[in-house]
Amino acid sequence: MSSKIARGSIIMMFGYFIFRIGGYIYRFSTAYLLGPAGFGILNLALPTQQILIQIASGGMPPAIAKHVSEYSAKGDEEMVKQVIHTSLKIVIILGLFFSLVIFLLADPLANGYFHKPEAALPLKLVALITPFSVVVGVFRGAFQGIFQMGNIVITKAFEQVFMISSAIILILVGFYVAGAVIGTAIGFLFSALAGYYLYRRGLGKRLKDVKLSFSIKDELALTKVLVIFAFPVLITGLAETALFDLIGNYIVGAYMVSEQLGFYGAATPIARLPLIISTAVATAVLPATAEAVGLENRHVLKTYVNQSYRYVSLLVLPMCVGTFVFATPIMKLLYINPAYMNGAAALQILSIGMLFFTIYTVSSSIAQGLGKPYLPMTILTLGVILDVALSVYLIPIYGITGAATATTITAFLIMISIVWKTLQVADVKLQYKDLTKIILAALIMGAVLLLIPQSILLIAIPLNYIVFAFAVILAAIIYIVALILLGGIKNNDITALRKLGNKAGPLKGLFNKLILLLERFAH
């Protein structure tokens, strides 16, 4: 079982990384093709799409995975099939209902709230996406339940390839923002087709001859079980999307012109890049924490908790500091159009906010591993309420920097709240001395980077990309040297690097050389 979990985790991490990269390609390409104003309108449709998909799926994929896994292990094939069939009915009904709701709300939102009639069609087209996306969610939940993680990655690959290619083609032939939204719908359509094919040739084939004997009463009882399990997942997902996409975009959209919304929408995905790292750590720490609690091993629990915060800080802090220092050239490098540099100040503020949220993410997984799943949900929900209040106050005064400030303040407060409560529940004290060394090393790196004239990063293509690559390498060297001088390298870090190096493939030799160098300074 352990090898199956390890293999599945690696596959999912690879898939998650590809999914993120695909999302960035979609945003960067549409931002370039549409320009700030068109991209601003698209950033009203995208968070609406995400919220609609989450509500329509009802948080069902994790519930499906859990119950399919349990019944499959027991050999109860009828229940496996019934869970999938019942879940499909739930999400299809919810998907169609909420698709109709957003279609009917599109004109009032575009004309009455945003005062942007051009947003009406893209918002209406979001309704096309939901039926396909919720069906994909059911298939992915079923695949996860029987550890067919490769199938999940395949469906994501179909989604990304067709979404990006269709959006670019449709924009180029003149469909503008509507083309970008239709491209997303096409991506989910092909993902659903791929999921159906993989299901029919795998799990569906296995369940083909299984007869279902559930009455309506029995199916309603199963629906209740699935919904109860899915509810906290749904609320947490909605709160996270609202906090980092919906609230800022919707309130900026209501008070400011489309170009400003485009600048803000360009800054947010870059700021979220560190979430790839925190998600990876969070994925690992949840089962590890649960295991330590189950074994009642306080020493192991303390080690896991402190290592989680340490590893996230080691990687995310320099990323956030580097993003803060180089915000303006980063916007130019990624979006090419110099107009997007107007979002640099918002990116600087959001880079700090994302540091706070990455720590929240890890704390959330620790709390779930400790058996407190409603703790992060409650804190995040309260954070959404606070973010709305701050955004309504700050955005009319400070524009998109006000939106970024509201998000960052909220992220700081939810981070403080959950870290405090999680450490209290775990009865663990943080190793503040080690964390301080990491903070100082990142600040030293940032101070040195400030000496680099940013004008050399804004020169002509492709020299600007080459210079930026050298700046990133220089930043990494400065950070590692600062860590060494401050005594911030630990023996546990070397052990973790060695394990990572063993899985680095062609880069294994380079990893081993770096490990041998750092090992001299570890303590």
Protein backbone atom coordinates (compact mmCIF):
# COMPACT_ATOMS: atom_id res chain seq x y z
CA MET A 1 0.00 0.00 0.00
CA SER A 2 2.83 2.42 0.87
CA SER A 3 4.40 2.03 -2.59
CA LYS A 4 1.01 2.58 -4.20
CA ILE A 5 0.53 5.80 -2.21
CA ALA A 6 4.04 7.00 -3.01
CA ARG A 7 3.62 6.26 -6.72
CA GLY A 8 0.22 7.92 -6.79
CA SER A 9 1.54 10.99 -4.97
CA ILE A 10 4.39 11.42 -7.44
CA ILE A 11 2.03 11.08 -10.41
CA MET A 12 -0.41 13.58 -8.90
CA MET A 13 2.36 16.07 -8.12
CA PHE A 14 3.53 15.83 -11.73
CA GLY A 15 -0.03 16.30 -12.95
CA TYR A 16 -0.65 19.21 -10.58
CA PHE A 17 2.53 20.92 -11.79
CA ILE A 18 1.57 20.47 -15.46
CA PHE A 19 -1.94 21.72 -14.67
CA ARG A 20 -0.51 24.87 -13.08
CA ILE A 21 1.89 25.50 -15.96
CA GLY A 22 -0.98 25.05 -18.43
CA GLY A 23 -3.03 27.57 -16.48
CA TYR A 24 -0.20 30.09 -16.67
CA ILE A 25 0.21 29.57 -20.41
CA TYR A 26 -3.53 30.15 -20.86
CA ARG A 27 -3.45 33.38 -18.85
CA PHE A 28 -0.24 34.75 -20.38
CA SER A 29 -1.34 34.02 -23.95
CA THR A 30 -4.86 35.42 -23.50
CA ALA A 31 -3.48 38.50 -21.73
CA TYR A 32 -1.13 39.17 -24.65
CA LEU A 33 -3.77 38.57 -27.33
CA LEU A 34 -6.65 40.41 -25.64
CA GLY A 35 -4.77 43.37 -24.17
CA PRO A 36 -5.43 44.82 -20.69
CA ALA A 37 -9.09 45.76 -21.32
CA GLY A 38 -10.10 42.42 -22.83
CA PHE A 39 -8.10 40.51 -20.25
CA GLY A 40 -9.90 42.50 -17.55
CA ILE A 41 -13.27 41.30 -18.86
CA LEU A 42 -11.94 37.73 -18.98
CA ASN A 43 -10.98 38.08 -15.32
CA LEU A 44 -14.62 38.66 -14.48
CA ALA A 45 -15.58 35.42 -16.23
CA LEU A 46 -12.80 33.13 -14.89
CA PRO A 47 -13.54 33.41 -11.13
CA THR A 48 -17.26 33.17 -11.91
CA GLN A 49 -16.48 29.96 -13.77
CA GLN A 50 -14.44 28.56 -10.86
CA ILE A 51 -17.12 29.36 -8.28
CA LEU A 52 -19.85 27.91 -10.50
CA ILE A 53 -17.91 24.69 -11.07
CA GLN A 54 -17.26 24.26 -7.34
CA ILE A 55 -20.90 24.86 -6.40
CA ALA A 56 -22.20 22.63 -9.17
CA SER A 57 -19.85 19.77 -8.25
CA GLY A 58 -20.82 20.19 -4.60
CA GLY A 59 -17.34 19.15 -3.44
CA MET A 60 -18.21 15.71 -4.74
CA PRO A 61 -14.87 14.38 -6.16
CA PRO A 62 -13.20 13.83 -2.74
CA ALA A 63 -16.39 12.20 -1.42
CA ILE A 64 -16.49 9.88 -4.44
CA ALA A 65 -12.81 9.00 -3.99
CA LYS A 66 -13.29 8.16 -0.31
CA HIS A 67 -16.35 5.94 -0.73
CA VAL A 68 -15.19 4.26 -3.94
CA SER A 69 -11.91 3.43 -2.21
CA GLU A 70 -13.64 2.01 0.86
CA TYR A 71 -16.19 -0.11 -1.01
CA SER A 72 -13.64 -1.25 -3.58
CA ALA A 73 -11.38 -2.49 -0.76
CA LYS A 74 -14.32 -4.44 0.68
CA GLY A 75 -15.13 -5.93 -2.71
CA ASP A 76 -18.62 -4.36 -2.69
CA GLU A 77 -18.88 -3.66 -6.42
CA GLU A 78 -22.55 -2.68 -6.28
CA MET A 79 -21.82 0.14 -3.84
CA VAL A 80 -18.89 1.32 -5.95
CA LYS A 81 -21.16 1.57 -8.98
CA GLN A 82 -23.99 3.12 -6.95
CA VAL A 83 -21.72 5.84 -5.53
CA ILE A 84 -20.62 6.81 -9.05
CA HIS A 85 -24.16 6.76 -10.47
CA THR A 86 -25.64 8.72 -7.56
CA SER A 87 -22.83 11.27 -7.72
CA LEU A 88 -23.37 11.75 -11.45
CA LYS A 89 -27.06 12.47 -10.85
CA ILE A 90 -26.22 14.99 -8.12
CA VAL A 91 -23.65 16.95 -10.12
CA ILE A 92 -25.63 16.92 -13.38
CA ILE A 93 -28.71 18.34 -11.61
CA LEU A 94 -26.63 20.94 -9.77
CA GLY A 95 -24.63 21.74 -12.91
CA LEU A 96 -27.68 22.39 -15.06
CA PHE A 97 -29.38 24.41 -12.33
CA PHE A 98 -26.45 26.71 -11.62
CA SER A 99 -25.63 27.05 -15.32
CA LEU A 100 -29.13 28.45 -15.77
CA VAL A 101 -28.66 30.73 -12.74
CA ILE A 102 -25.44 32.30 -14.05
CA PHE A 103 -26.94 32.62 -17.55
CA LEU A 104 -29.88 34.58 -16.13
CA LEU A 105 -27.62 36.67 -13.85
CA ALA A 106 -25.14 37.56 -16.62
CA ASP A 107 -26.95 40.68 -17.86
CA PRO A 108 -27.73 42.11 -14.38
CA LEU A 109 -24.11 41.53 -13.31
CA ALA A 110 -22.58 43.00 -16.46
CA ASN A 111 -24.88 46.00 -16.78
CA GLY A 112 -26.09 46.70 -13.26
CA TYR A 113 -23.09 45.79 -11.07
CA PHE A 114 -19.96 45.98 -13.25
CA HIS A 115 -21.35 48.64 -15.63
CA LYS A 116 -19.56 46.77 -18.43
CA PRO A 117 -22.07 45.51 -21.04
CA GLU A 118 -19.24 43.75 -22.90
CA ALA A 119 -18.94 41.32 -19.96
CA ALA A 120 -22.46 39.92 -20.50
CA LEU A 121 -21.63 37.45 -23.30
CA PRO A 122 -18.51 35.98 -21.60
CA LEU A 123 -20.49 35.51 -18.37
CA LYS A 124 -23.30 33.77 -20.27
CA LEU A 125 -20.81 31.50 -22.00
CA VAL A 126 -19.50 30.36 -18.60
CA ALA A 127 -22.73 28.39 -18.36
CA LEU A 128 -21.44 26.15 -21.19
CA ILE A 129 -18.53 24.95 -19.08
CA THR A 130 -20.30 23.59 -16.01
CA PRO A 131 -22.02 20.45 -17.37
CA PHE A 132 -18.74 19.11 -18.77
CA SER A 133 -16.58 20.11 -15.80
CA VAL A 134 -18.77 18.43 -13.16
CA VAL A 135 -18.87 15.17 -15.11
CA VAL A 136 -15.06 15.25 -15.34
CA GLY A 137 -14.99 15.72 -11.55
CA VAL A 138 -16.96 12.51 -11.02
CA PHE A 139 -14.61 10.50 -13.24
CA ARG A 140 -11.56 11.96 -11.50
CA GLY A 141 -13.00 11.14 -8.09
CA ALA A 142 -13.62 7.54 -9.20
CA PHE A 143 -10.10 7.23 -10.61
CA GLN A 144 -8.63 8.58 -7.38
CA GLY A 145 -10.65 6.08 -5.36
CA ILE A 146 -9.05 3.12 -7.15
CA PHE A 147 -5.57 4.75 -7.32
CA GLN A 148 -5.65 5.29 -11.11
CA MET A 149 -3.84 8.62 -10.76
CA GLY A 150 -2.48 8.40 -14.29
CA ASN A 151 -6.03 8.67 -15.65
CA ILE A 152 -6.53 11.91 -13.72
CA VAL A 153 -3.38 13.35 -15.26
CA ILE A 154 -4.55 12.28 -18.74
CA THR A 155 -7.89 14.08 -18.32
CA LYS A 156 -6.06 17.20 -17.12
CA ALA A 157 -3.75 17.01 -20.12
CA PHE A 158 -6.71 16.86 -22.51
CA GLU A 159 -8.30 19.79 -20.70
CA GLN A 160 -5.16 21.95 -20.90
CA VAL A 161 -4.19 21.17 -24.49
CA PHE A 162 -7.66 21.80 -25.97
CA MET A 163 -8.39 24.77 -23.70
CA ILE A 164 -5.20 26.64 -24.60
CA SER A 165 -5.19 25.82 -28.32
CA SER A 166 -8.92 26.50 -28.77
CA ALA A 167 -8.78 29.81 -26.87
CA ILE A 168 -5.82 31.07 -28.92
CA ILE A 169 -7.39 30.07 -32.24
CA LEU A 170 -10.79 31.55 -31.40
CA ILE A 171 -9.26 34.84 -30.22
CA LEU A 172 -7.15 35.09 -33.38
CA VAL A 173 -10.15 34.51 -35.67
CA GLY A 174 -12.03 37.33 -33.98
CA PHE A 175 -14.10 35.91 -31.11
CA TYR A 176 -12.16 38.08 -28.61
CA VAL A 177 -13.02 37.43 -24.91
CA ALA A 178 -15.87 35.09 -25.84
CA GLY A 179 -13.31 32.94 -27.68
CA ALA A 180 -11.20 32.57 -24.53
CA VAL A 181 -14.25 31.39 -22.55
CA ILE A 182 -15.43 29.04 -25.30
CA GLY A 183 -11.88 27.64 -25.39
CA THR A 184 -12.23 26.70 -21.71
CA ALA A 185 -15.54 24.95 -22.45
CA ILE A 186 -13.93 23.00 -25.30
CA GLY A 187 -11.12 21.97 -22.95
CA PHE A 188 -13.59 20.56 -20.42
CA LEU A 189 -15.58 18.87 -23.20
CA PHE A 190 -12.57 16.90 -24.41
CA SER A 191 -11.52 16.21 -20.83
CA ALA A 192 -14.98 14.74 -20.17
CA LEU A 193 -14.75 12.61 -23.31
CA ALA A 194 -11.31 11.35 -22.27
CA GLY A 195 -12.60 10.62 -18.76
CA TYR A 196 -15.58 8.69 -20.12
CA TYR A 197 -13.35 6.64 -22.43
CA LEU A 198 -10.90 5.79 -19.64
CA TYR A 199 -13.77 4.91 -17.31
CA ARG A 200 -15.44 2.62 -19.87
CA ARG A 201 -12.24 0.72 -20.63
CA GLY A 202 -11.25 0.43 -16.93
CA LEU A 203 -13.55 0.69 -13.94
CA GLY A 204 -16.70 0.83 -16.07
CA LYS A 205 -15.78 -2.44 -17.76
CA ARG A 206 -15.24 -4.01 -14.35
CA LEU A 207 -18.67 -2.84 -13.17
CA LYS A 208 -20.52 -3.49 -16.43
CA ASP A 209 -22.41 -6.57 -15.26
CA VAL A 210 -23.08 -5.30 -11.72
CA LYS A 211 -26.81 -4.83 -11.10
CA LEU A 212 -28.05 -1.96 -8.95
CA SER A 213 -30.83 -2.70 -6.45
CA PHE A 214 -31.09 0.62 -4.59
CA SER A 215 -34.56 2.06 -3.93
CA ILE A 216 -35.20 5.80 -4.10
CA LYS A 217 -35.09 5.93 -0.29
CA ASP A 218 -31.72 4.15 -0.23
CA GLU A 219 -30.31 6.46 -2.87
CA LEU A 220 -31.46 9.53 -0.96
CA ALA A 221 -29.71 8.16 2.13
CA LEU A 222 -26.50 7.71 0.11
CA THR A 223 -26.89 11.22 -1.29
CA LYS A 224 -27.05 12.57 2.26
CA VAL A 225 -23.84 10.73 3.22
CA LEU A 226 -22.00 12.03 0.16
CA VAL A 227 -23.18 15.62 0.64
CA ILE A 228 -22.29 15.70 4.35
CA PHE A 229 -18.74 14.55 3.56
CA ALA A 230 -18.42 16.97 0.63
CA PHE A 231 -19.77 20.05 2.44
CA PRO A 232 -16.57 21.23 4.25
CA VAL A 233 -14.57 20.55 1.08
CA LEU A 234 -16.99 22.71 -0.89
CA ILE A 235 -17.02 25.58 1.61
CA THR A 236 -13.22 25.62 1.87
CA GLY A 237 -12.82 25.59 -1.92
CA LEU A 238 -15.38 28.38 -2.37
CA ALA A 239 -13.73 30.49 0.33
CA GLU A 240 -10.28 30.07 -1.19
CA THR A 241 -11.48 30.97 -4.70
CA ALA A 242 -13.42 33.94 -3.35
CA LEU A 243 -10.44 35.20 -1.38
CA PHE A 244 -7.88 35.08 -4.19
CA ASP A 245 -9.98 35.52 -7.33
CA LEU A 246 -13.60 36.49 -6.98
CA ILE A 247 -13.63 39.27 -4.37
CA GLY A 248 -10.74 41.33 -5.75
CA ASN A 249 -11.84 40.97 -9.38
CA TYR A 250 -15.51 41.63 -8.68
CA ILE A 251 -14.96 44.73 -6.55
CA VAL A 252 -12.23 46.11 -8.83
CA GLY A 253 -14.60 45.40 -11.72
CA ALA A 254 -17.37 47.36 -10.05
CA TYR A 255 -15.29 50.45 -9.24
CA MET A 256 -12.64 50.61 -11.97
CA VAL A 257 -12.22 50.45 -15.73
CA SER A 258 -11.49 47.18 -17.53
CA GLU A 259 -7.78 48.00 -18.06
CA GLN A 260 -7.17 48.21 -14.30
CA LEU A 261 -8.93 44.90 -13.84
CA GLY A 262 -6.63 43.46 -16.51
CA PHE A 263 -3.54 44.70 -14.63
CA TYR A 264 -4.80 43.16 -11.40
CA GLY A 265 -5.71 39.91 -13.13
CA ALA A 266 -2.18 39.77 -14.55
CA ALA A 267 -0.58 40.12 -11.11
CA THR A 268 -2.58 37.49 -9.20
CA PRO A 269 -1.45 34.29 -11.01
CA ILE A 270 2.23 35.25 -10.65
CA ALA A 271 1.78 35.89 -6.93
CA ARG A 272 0.19 32.44 -6.54
CA LEU A 273 3.22 30.59 -7.91
CA PRO A 274 4.52 29.69 -4.39
CA LEU A 275 1.29 27.75 -3.80
CA ILE A 276 2.77 24.94 -5.92
CA ILE A 277 5.36 24.41 -3.19
CA SER A 278 2.99 24.78 -0.25
CA THR A 279 0.50 22.39 -1.86
CA ALA A 280 3.25 19.81 -2.30
CA VAL A 281 4.25 20.08 1.36
CA ALA A 282 0.61 20.15 2.49
CA THR A 283 -0.15 16.98 0.50
CA ALA A 284 2.63 15.14 2.33
CA VAL A 285 2.10 16.55 5.82
CA LEU A 286 -1.60 15.63 6.17
CA PRO A 287 -1.20 11.82 6.18
CA ALA A 288 2.12 12.11 8.05
CA THR A 289 0.50 14.15 10.83
CA ALA A 290 -2.47 11.79 10.99
CA GLU A 291 -0.12 8.83 11.28
CA ALA A 292 1.87 10.45 14.11
CA VAL A 293 -1.37 11.23 15.97
CA GLY A 294 -2.58 7.66 15.47
CA LEU A 295 0.68 6.29 16.89
CA GLU A 296 0.56 8.85 19.73
CA ASN A 297 4.18 9.75 18.96
CA ARG A 298 4.71 13.31 20.21
CA HIS A 299 8.34 13.50 19.04
CA VAL A 300 7.47 12.51 15.47
CA LEU A 301 4.51 14.93 15.43
CA LYS A 302 6.73 17.79 16.60
CA THR A 303 9.30 16.93 13.92
CA TYR A 304 6.70 16.79 11.13
CA VAL A 305 5.12 20.11 12.11
CA ASN A 306 8.41 22.01 12.37
CA GLN A 307 9.80 20.46 9.18
CA SER A 308 6.67 21.48 7.26
CA TYR A 309 6.96 25.13 8.25
CA ARG A 310 10.72 25.03 7.70
CA TYR A 311 10.64 23.59 4.19
CA VAL A 312 7.92 25.96 3.04
CA SER A 313 9.83 28.92 4.48
CA LEU A 314 13.12 27.78 2.91
CA LEU A 315 11.62 27.74 -0.58
CA VAL A 316 8.81 30.28 -0.51
CA LEU A 317 10.51 33.16 1.32
CA PRO A 318 13.22 33.78 -1.32
CA MET A 319 10.61 33.40 -4.10
CA CYS A 320 8.40 36.06 -2.52
CA VAL A 321 11.32 38.41 -1.82
CA GLY A 322 12.58 38.00 -5.39
CA THR A 323 9.10 38.65 -6.79
CA PHE A 324 8.79 41.77 -4.62
CA VAL A 325 12.13 43.18 -5.83
CA PHE A 326 11.70 42.29 -9.52
CA ALA A 327 7.92 42.81 -9.82
CA THR A 328 8.14 45.33 -12.67
CA PRO A 329 10.48 43.35 -14.97
CA ILE A 330 8.60 40.12 -14.19
CA MET A 331 5.36 41.67 -15.49
CA LYS A 332 7.16 42.82 -18.66
CA LEU A 333 8.94 39.49 -19.17
CA LEU A 334 5.82 37.36 -18.81
CA TYR A 335 3.21 39.53 -20.52
CA ILE A 336 5.50 41.26 -23.10
CA ASN A 337 3.04 44.17 -23.41
CA PRO A 338 4.66 46.97 -21.30
CA ALA A 339 1.21 48.19 -20.23
CA TYR A 340 1.01 45.28 -17.78
CA MET A 341 3.85 46.81 -15.75
CA ASN A 342 1.09 48.95 -14.23
CA GLY A 343 0.21 45.89 -12.14
CA ALA A 344 3.70 45.69 -10.57
CA ALA A 345 2.76 47.46 -7.32
CA ALA A 346 -0.19 45.10 -6.82
CA LEU A 347 2.13 42.14 -7.49
CA GLN A 348 4.59 43.37 -4.85
CA ILE A 349 1.87 43.51 -2.21
CA LEU A 350 0.33 40.20 -3.29
CA SER A 351 3.73 38.47 -3.13
CA ILE A 352 3.76 39.20 0.60
CA GLY A 353 0.18 38.01 0.93
CA MET A 354 0.97 34.73 -0.82
CA LEU A 355 3.79 34.10 1.65
CA PHE A 356 1.22 34.30 4.43
CA PHE A 357 -1.24 32.11 2.55
CA THR A 358 1.32 29.38 1.83
CA ILE A 359 1.89 29.07 5.57
CA TYR A 360 -1.89 28.99 6.07
CA THR A 361 -2.11 26.16 3.50
CA VAL A 362 0.42 24.02 5.37
CA SER A 363 -1.23 24.79 8.73
CA SER A 364 -4.58 23.81 7.24
CA SER A 365 -3.28 20.37 6.27
CA ILE A 366 -1.70 19.89 9.69
CA ALA A 367 -5.04 20.76 11.32
CA GLN A 368 -6.84 18.25 9.07
CA GLY A 369 -4.27 15.61 9.98
CA LEU A 370 -4.93 16.38 13.63
CA GLY A 371 -8.62 15.64 13.06
CA LYS A 372 -9.79 19.28 12.95
CA PRO A 373 -11.07 19.74 9.35
CA TYR A 374 -13.58 22.44 10.32
CA LEU A 375 -10.87 24.68 11.84
CA PRO A 376 -9.34 25.86 8.53
CA MET A 377 -12.79 26.05 6.95
CA THR A 378 -14.07 28.36 9.70
CA ILE A 379 -11.01 30.60 9.67
CA LEU A 380 -11.00 30.87 5.87
CA THR A 381 -14.71 31.68 5.78
CA LEU A 382 -14.22 34.49 8.33
CA GLY A 383 -11.29 35.65 6.22
CA VAL A 384 -13.55 35.97 3.17
CA ILE A 385 -15.94 38.20 5.11
CA LEU A 386 -13.02 40.37 6.26
CA ASP A 387 -11.60 40.57 2.71
CA VAL A 388 -14.94 41.77 1.35
CA ALA A 389 -15.11 44.53 3.98
CA LEU A 390 -11.51 45.64 3.43
CA SER A 391 -11.85 45.53 -0.36
CA VAL A 392 -15.03 47.64 -0.38
CA TYR A 393 -13.21 50.23 1.74
CA LEU A 394 -9.75 50.21 0.12
CA ILE A 395 -10.42 49.69 -3.61
CA PRO A 396 -12.36 52.95 -4.19
CA ILE A 397 -9.45 54.84 -2.56
CA TYR A 398 -6.34 52.98 -3.71
CA GLY A 399 -7.51 50.98 -6.74
CA ILE A 400 -5.83 47.65 -7.47
CA THR A 401 -3.18 48.22 -4.80
CA GLY A 402 -6.08 48.50 -2.36
CA ALA A 403 -7.38 45.13 -3.56
CA ALA A 404 -3.93 43.59 -3.08
CA THR A 405 -3.61 45.18 0.36
CA ALA A 406 -7.00 43.83 1.46
CA THR A 407 -6.00 40.31 0.37
CA THR A 408 -2.60 40.55 2.07
CA ILE A 409 -4.02 41.81 5.38
CA THR A 410 -6.60 39.03 5.32
CA ALA A 411 -3.96 36.40 4.49
CA PHE A 412 -1.81 37.61 7.39
CA LEU A 413 -4.67 37.40 9.88
CA ILE A 414 -5.87 33.94 8.80
CA MET A 415 -2.24 32.74 8.90
CA ILE A 416 -1.76 34.00 12.47
CA SER A 417 -5.09 32.50 13.54
CA ILE A 418 -4.58 29.02 12.14
CA VAL A 419 -0.91 28.73 13.12
CA TRP A 420 -1.78 29.70 16.69
CA LYS A 421 -4.70 27.26 16.91
CA THR A 422 -2.86 24.44 15.12
CA LEU A 423 0.19 24.66 17.37
CA GLN A 424 -2.15 24.79 20.36
CA VAL A 425 -4.01 21.64 19.28
CA ALA A 426 -0.77 19.82 18.39
CA ASP A 427 0.93 21.06 21.59
CA VAL A 428 4.02 21.92 19.54
CA LYS A 429 6.36 24.92 19.78
CA LEU A 430 7.91 26.36 16.63
CA GLN A 431 11.67 26.49 16.22
CA TYR A 432 11.74 30.27 15.93
CA LYS A 433 15.54 30.48 15.87
CA ASP A 434 15.77 28.40 12.69
CA LEU A 435 12.95 30.34 11.01
CA THR A 436 14.66 33.64 11.88
CA LYS A 437 17.83 32.52 10.08
CA ILE A 438 15.80 31.75 6.94
CA ILE A 439 14.11 35.16 7.08
CA LEU A 440 17.46 36.95 7.48
CA ALA A 441 19.00 35.01 4.57
CA ALA A 442 16.06 35.95 2.31
CA LEU A 443 16.30 39.62 3.35
CA ILE A 444 20.06 39.66 2.65
CA MET A 445 19.34 38.22 -0.81
CA GLY A 446 16.68 40.89 -1.38
CA ALA A 447 19.03 43.70 -0.27
CA VAL A 448 21.69 42.58 -2.76
CA LEU A 449 19.13 42.27 -5.58
CA LEU A 450 18.03 45.85 -4.95
CA LEU A 451 21.51 46.95 -6.08
CA ILE A 452 20.85 45.56 -9.59
CA PRO A 453 19.52 48.33 -11.88
CA GLN A 454 16.13 47.16 -13.10
CA SER A 455 16.68 48.94 -16.40
CA ILE A 456 19.00 46.11 -17.50
CA LEU A 457 16.08 43.70 -17.08
CA LEU A 458 13.89 45.79 -19.37
CA ILE A 459 16.14 45.71 -22.42
CA ALA A 460 15.15 44.20 -25.77
CA ILE A 461 14.02 40.59 -26.25
CA PRO A 462 15.68 38.05 -25.92
CA LEU A 463 18.50 39.67 -23.91
CA ASN A 464 16.11 40.57 -21.09
CA TYR A 465 15.27 36.91 -20.54
CA ILE A 466 18.96 35.96 -20.48
CA VAL A 467 19.80 38.71 -17.99
CA PHE A 468 16.86 37.73 -15.79
CA ALA A 469 18.00 34.08 -15.80
CA PHE A 470 21.43 35.21 -14.57
CA ALA A 471 19.76 37.36 -11.89
CA VAL A 472 17.76 34.35 -10.66
CA ILE A 473 20.93 32.22 -10.48
CA LEU A 474 22.73 35.03 -8.63
CA ALA A 475 19.81 35.30 -6.18
CA ALA A 476 19.95 31.56 -5.46
CA ILE A 477 23.71 31.72 -4.82
CA ILE A 478 23.39 34.71 -2.50
CA TYR A 479 20.57 33.05 -0.58
CA ILE A 480 22.44 29.77 -0.09
CA VAL A 481 25.65 31.58 0.96
CA ALA A 482 23.68 33.71 3.42
CA LEU A 483 22.06 30.57 4.86
CA ILE A 484 25.47 28.97 5.29
CA LEU A 485 26.98 32.03 6.97
CA LEU A 486 24.01 32.28 9.34
CA GLY A 487 24.19 28.57 10.20
CA GLY A 488 20.82 27.92 8.60
CA ILE A 489 21.64 24.57 6.94
CA LYS A 490 20.63 21.53 9.03
CA ASN A 491 21.42 17.84 8.72
CA ASN A 492 17.73 17.16 8.12
CA ASP A 493 17.90 19.42 5.06
CA ILE A 494 20.75 17.35 3.64
CA THR A 495 18.76 14.15 4.19
CA ALA A 496 15.74 15.64 2.41
CA LEU A 497 17.91 16.88 -0.47
CA ARG A 498 19.50 13.45 -0.83
CA LYS A 499 16.08 11.81 -1.13
CA LEU A 500 15.06 14.41 -3.69
CA GLY A 501 18.32 13.93 -5.58
CA ASN A 502 17.67 10.21 -5.92
CA LYS A 503 14.52 11.06 -7.88
CA ALA A 504 16.11 13.83 -9.97
CA GLY A 505 16.90 11.61 -12.98
CA PRO A 506 19.40 13.36 -15.31
CA LEU A 507 19.98 16.06 -12.67
CA LYS A 508 21.06 13.52 -10.04
CA GLY A 509 24.76 14.25 -10.56
CA LEU A 510 24.27 18.00 -10.12
CA PHE A 511 22.17 17.39 -7.01
CA ASN A 512 24.84 15.18 -5.47
CA LYS A 513 27.53 17.82 -6.02
CA LEU A 514 25.33 20.45 -4.35
CA ILE A 515 24.60 18.08 -1.45
CA LEU A 516 28.32 17.36 -0.90
CA LEU A 517 29.00 21.10 -0.83
CA LEU A 518 26.18 21.92 1.61
CA GLU A 519 26.93 18.91 3.82
CA ARG A 520 30.16 20.58 4.98
CA PHE A 521 28.18 23.41 6.54
CA ALA A 522 25.26 21.47 7.99
CA HIS A 523 24.85 21.07 11.73
